Amino acid sequence: MRALILGAALALGACATAGDSRLANAEWEATSLNGAPLVAGSRLTLRLEDGRASGTAGCNRYFGSYDLQGRNSIRFRGVGSTRMACAEPLMEQERRYLNILENASGYNFYRNGELTVVAAEGRVVRYRRCGCGRPIGEGVRLHPSWLA
C-alpha cells in the first residue's frame, strides 16, 4: 500500500513539473489587457524559455522565472524590470501588465492558438504566438569579416 501511495505521489509530481509543451520555448505578444485593447503603438511580449520569463512591458523590459504547477497553473517569480520612464498611459498599462504576471495563477489555450494568463479577480492578458524577437535557441551570428 505504501508503495502504491509513493508511486502515485511521484506520478503527480512528474505531471506538475513536466510542463505544457505549448508554452515551452515560445514567445507571445499580447492582444488585450483585461479585455481592453493595448495603448496604441505599444507592445507587450512574453517569452518563456527553460524556466525563465522575459519580454517587453510596453516601456521597459522585464525578466523573472516561472513554474508550471499542475494542469493550467503558472506562477511567475522574481519579476523585475528596467526603469525607463515613458508617457503615463504606457506606464499605467505596464503596471497593470506586470501586476497580472506577478499574481498569475493560471493559463488557458483556445482553439485559435491564443493564450490567456489569468490572475486573481479575473484579470487577464490575452496573447497570440509570435516571432517577436530572435528565434528561440538562436545565438549570436558572426559576420565573416569579424573572423578575418
Protein backbone atom coordinates (compact mmCIF):
# COMPACT_ATOMS: atom_id res chain seq x y z
CA MET A 1 0.00 0.00 0.00
CA ARG A 2 2.83 2.40 0.90
CA ALA A 3 4.48 1.67 -2.47
CA LEU A 4 1.21 2.49 -4.25
CA ILE A 5 0.90 5.84 -2.45
CA LEU A 6 4.55 6.67 -3.14
CA GLY A 7 4.12 5.75 -6.83
CA ALA A 8 1.01 7.95 -7.12
CA ALA A 9 2.82 10.86 -5.45
CA LEU A 10 5.76 10.54 -7.83
CA ALA A 11 3.45 10.40 -10.85
CA LEU A 12 1.57 13.52 -9.73
CA GLY A 13 4.83 15.32 -9.09
CA ALA A 14 6.05 14.49 -12.57
CA CYS A 15 2.85 15.90 -14.06
CA ALA A 16 3.19 19.11 -12.06
CA THR A 17 6.70 19.80 -13.28
CA ALA A 18 6.61 18.33 -16.78
CA GLY A 19 5.08 21.50 -18.20
CA ASP A 20 2.97 22.22 -21.19
CA SER A 21 4.81 21.83 -24.49
CA ARG A 22 2.67 24.59 -26.00
CA LEU A 23 4.26 27.08 -23.57
CA ALA A 24 7.84 25.83 -23.71
CA ASN A 25 10.35 27.80 -25.74
CA ALA A 26 7.74 30.16 -27.12
CA GLU A 27 7.20 33.87 -27.46
CA TRP A 28 3.84 35.58 -27.18
CA GLU A 29 2.53 39.06 -28.00
CA ALA A 30 -0.39 40.49 -26.01
CA THR A 31 -3.52 41.42 -27.94
CA SER A 32 -5.54 42.72 -24.98
CA LEU A 33 -5.22 43.51 -21.29
CA ASN A 34 -8.29 42.84 -19.14
CA GLY A 35 -10.37 42.71 -22.32
CA ALA A 36 -9.30 46.19 -23.46
CA PRO A 37 -7.05 46.98 -26.41
CA LEU A 38 -3.46 47.97 -25.74
CA VAL A 39 -2.25 51.56 -25.80
CA ALA A 40 -1.80 52.49 -29.47
CA GLY A 41 1.66 51.58 -30.75
CA SER A 42 2.66 49.61 -27.64
CA ARG A 43 3.85 46.01 -27.48
CA LEU A 44 3.63 43.62 -24.55
CA THR A 45 5.50 40.36 -25.03
CA LEU A 46 6.12 37.22 -23.02
CA ARG A 47 9.00 34.85 -23.73
CA LEU A 48 9.13 31.52 -21.89
CA GLU A 49 12.34 29.53 -22.09
CA ASP A 50 13.88 26.99 -19.71
CA GLY A 51 12.02 28.28 -16.64
CA ARG A 52 12.85 31.92 -17.43
CA ALA A 53 10.30 34.55 -18.40
CA SER A 54 11.13 37.82 -20.12
CA GLY A 55 9.72 40.32 -22.54
CA THR A 56 8.69 43.90 -23.09
CA ALA A 57 6.13 45.56 -20.85
CA GLY A 58 5.34 48.46 -23.17
CA CYS A 59 8.11 50.74 -21.97
CA ASN A 60 10.60 48.56 -20.10
CA ARG A 61 11.99 45.07 -20.48
CA TYR A 62 11.18 42.61 -17.71
CA PHE A 63 12.58 39.30 -16.52
CA GLY A 64 11.92 36.62 -13.92
CA SER A 65 11.23 32.94 -13.64
CA TYR A 66 8.12 30.82 -13.98
CA ASP A 67 6.87 27.48 -12.68
CA LEU A 68 4.16 25.28 -14.11
CA GLN A 69 2.39 23.72 -11.15
CA GLY A 70 -0.07 21.19 -12.42
CA ARG A 71 -2.66 21.47 -15.13
CA ASN A 72 -3.09 25.04 -16.41
CA SER A 73 -1.34 26.53 -13.39
CA ILE A 74 1.50 29.04 -13.78
CA ARG A 75 3.36 31.22 -11.29
CA PHE A 76 5.86 33.94 -12.08
CA ARG A 77 8.56 34.68 -9.51
CA GLY A 78 11.18 37.36 -9.01
CA VAL A 79 9.76 39.66 -11.69
CA GLY A 80 11.95 42.72 -12.18
CA SER A 81 12.34 45.29 -14.92
CA THR A 82 14.47 48.06 -16.30
CA ARG A 83 13.43 51.52 -15.09
CA MET A 84 12.94 53.83 -18.04
CA ALA A 85 10.19 56.42 -17.91
CA CYS A 86 7.58 56.72 -20.65
CA ALA A 87 4.32 58.56 -21.17
CA GLU A 88 1.83 57.96 -18.36
CA PRO A 89 -0.61 55.82 -20.41
CA LEU A 90 2.25 53.41 -21.20
CA MET A 91 3.45 53.39 -17.60
CA GLU A 92 -0.06 52.65 -16.30
CA GLN A 93 -0.52 49.84 -18.82
CA GLU A 94 2.89 48.44 -17.81
CA ARG A 95 1.96 48.48 -14.11
CA ARG A 96 -1.28 46.61 -14.82
CA TYR A 97 0.51 44.10 -17.08
CA LEU A 98 3.31 43.30 -14.63
CA ASN A 99 0.81 43.09 -11.76
CA ILE A 100 -1.13 40.41 -13.65
CA LEU A 101 2.05 38.41 -14.26
CA GLU A 102 3.19 38.76 -10.64
CA ASN A 103 -0.20 37.49 -9.44
CA ALA A 104 -0.87 34.95 -12.18
CA SER A 105 -2.36 31.66 -11.12
CA GLY A 106 -3.38 30.02 -14.37
CA TYR A 107 -3.41 29.95 -18.14
CA ASN A 108 -5.69 28.71 -20.89
CA PHE A 109 -5.31 27.90 -24.56
CA TYR A 110 -8.02 28.46 -27.16
CA ARG A 111 -8.68 26.61 -30.41
CA ASN A 112 -7.31 29.53 -32.41
CA GLY A 113 -3.96 29.07 -30.62
CA GLU A 114 -4.32 32.13 -28.39
CA LEU A 115 -3.16 32.02 -24.79
CA THR A 116 -4.52 33.80 -21.72
CA VAL A 117 -2.68 34.27 -18.45
CA VAL A 118 -5.14 34.76 -15.60
CA ALA A 119 -4.65 36.43 -12.21
CA ALA A 120 -6.96 37.00 -9.24
CA GLU A 121 -10.34 38.63 -9.81
CA GLY A 122 -10.38 37.56 -13.46
CA ARG A 123 -7.62 39.94 -14.57
CA VAL A 124 -6.25 38.54 -17.81
CA VAL A 125 -3.74 39.07 -20.58
CA ARG A 126 -4.60 37.56 -23.96
CA TYR A 127 -1.71 36.64 -26.28
CA ARG A 128 -1.06 35.33 -29.75
CA ARG A 129 2.07 33.36 -30.57
CA CYS A 130 4.65 35.39 -32.44
CA GLY A 131 8.25 35.56 -33.60
CA CYS A 132 8.68 38.92 -31.85
CA GLY A 133 12.39 38.66 -31.28
CA ARG A 134 15.15 36.33 -32.23
CA PRO A 135 14.16 32.69 -32.72
CA ILE A 136 14.48 30.56 -29.60
CA GLY A 137 17.90 28.96 -29.42
CA GLU A 138 19.48 31.26 -31.96
CA GLY A 139 22.77 32.62 -30.73
CA VAL A 140 24.97 35.43 -31.92
CA ARG A 141 25.88 35.13 -35.56
CA LEU A 142 29.41 36.03 -36.53
CA HIS A 143 29.85 38.15 -39.59
CA PRO A 144 32.60 36.69 -41.87
CA SER A 145 34.54 39.97 -41.74
CA TRP A 146 34.89 39.56 -37.94
CA LEU A 147 36.87 36.38 -38.48
CA ALA A 148 39.40 37.88 -40.90
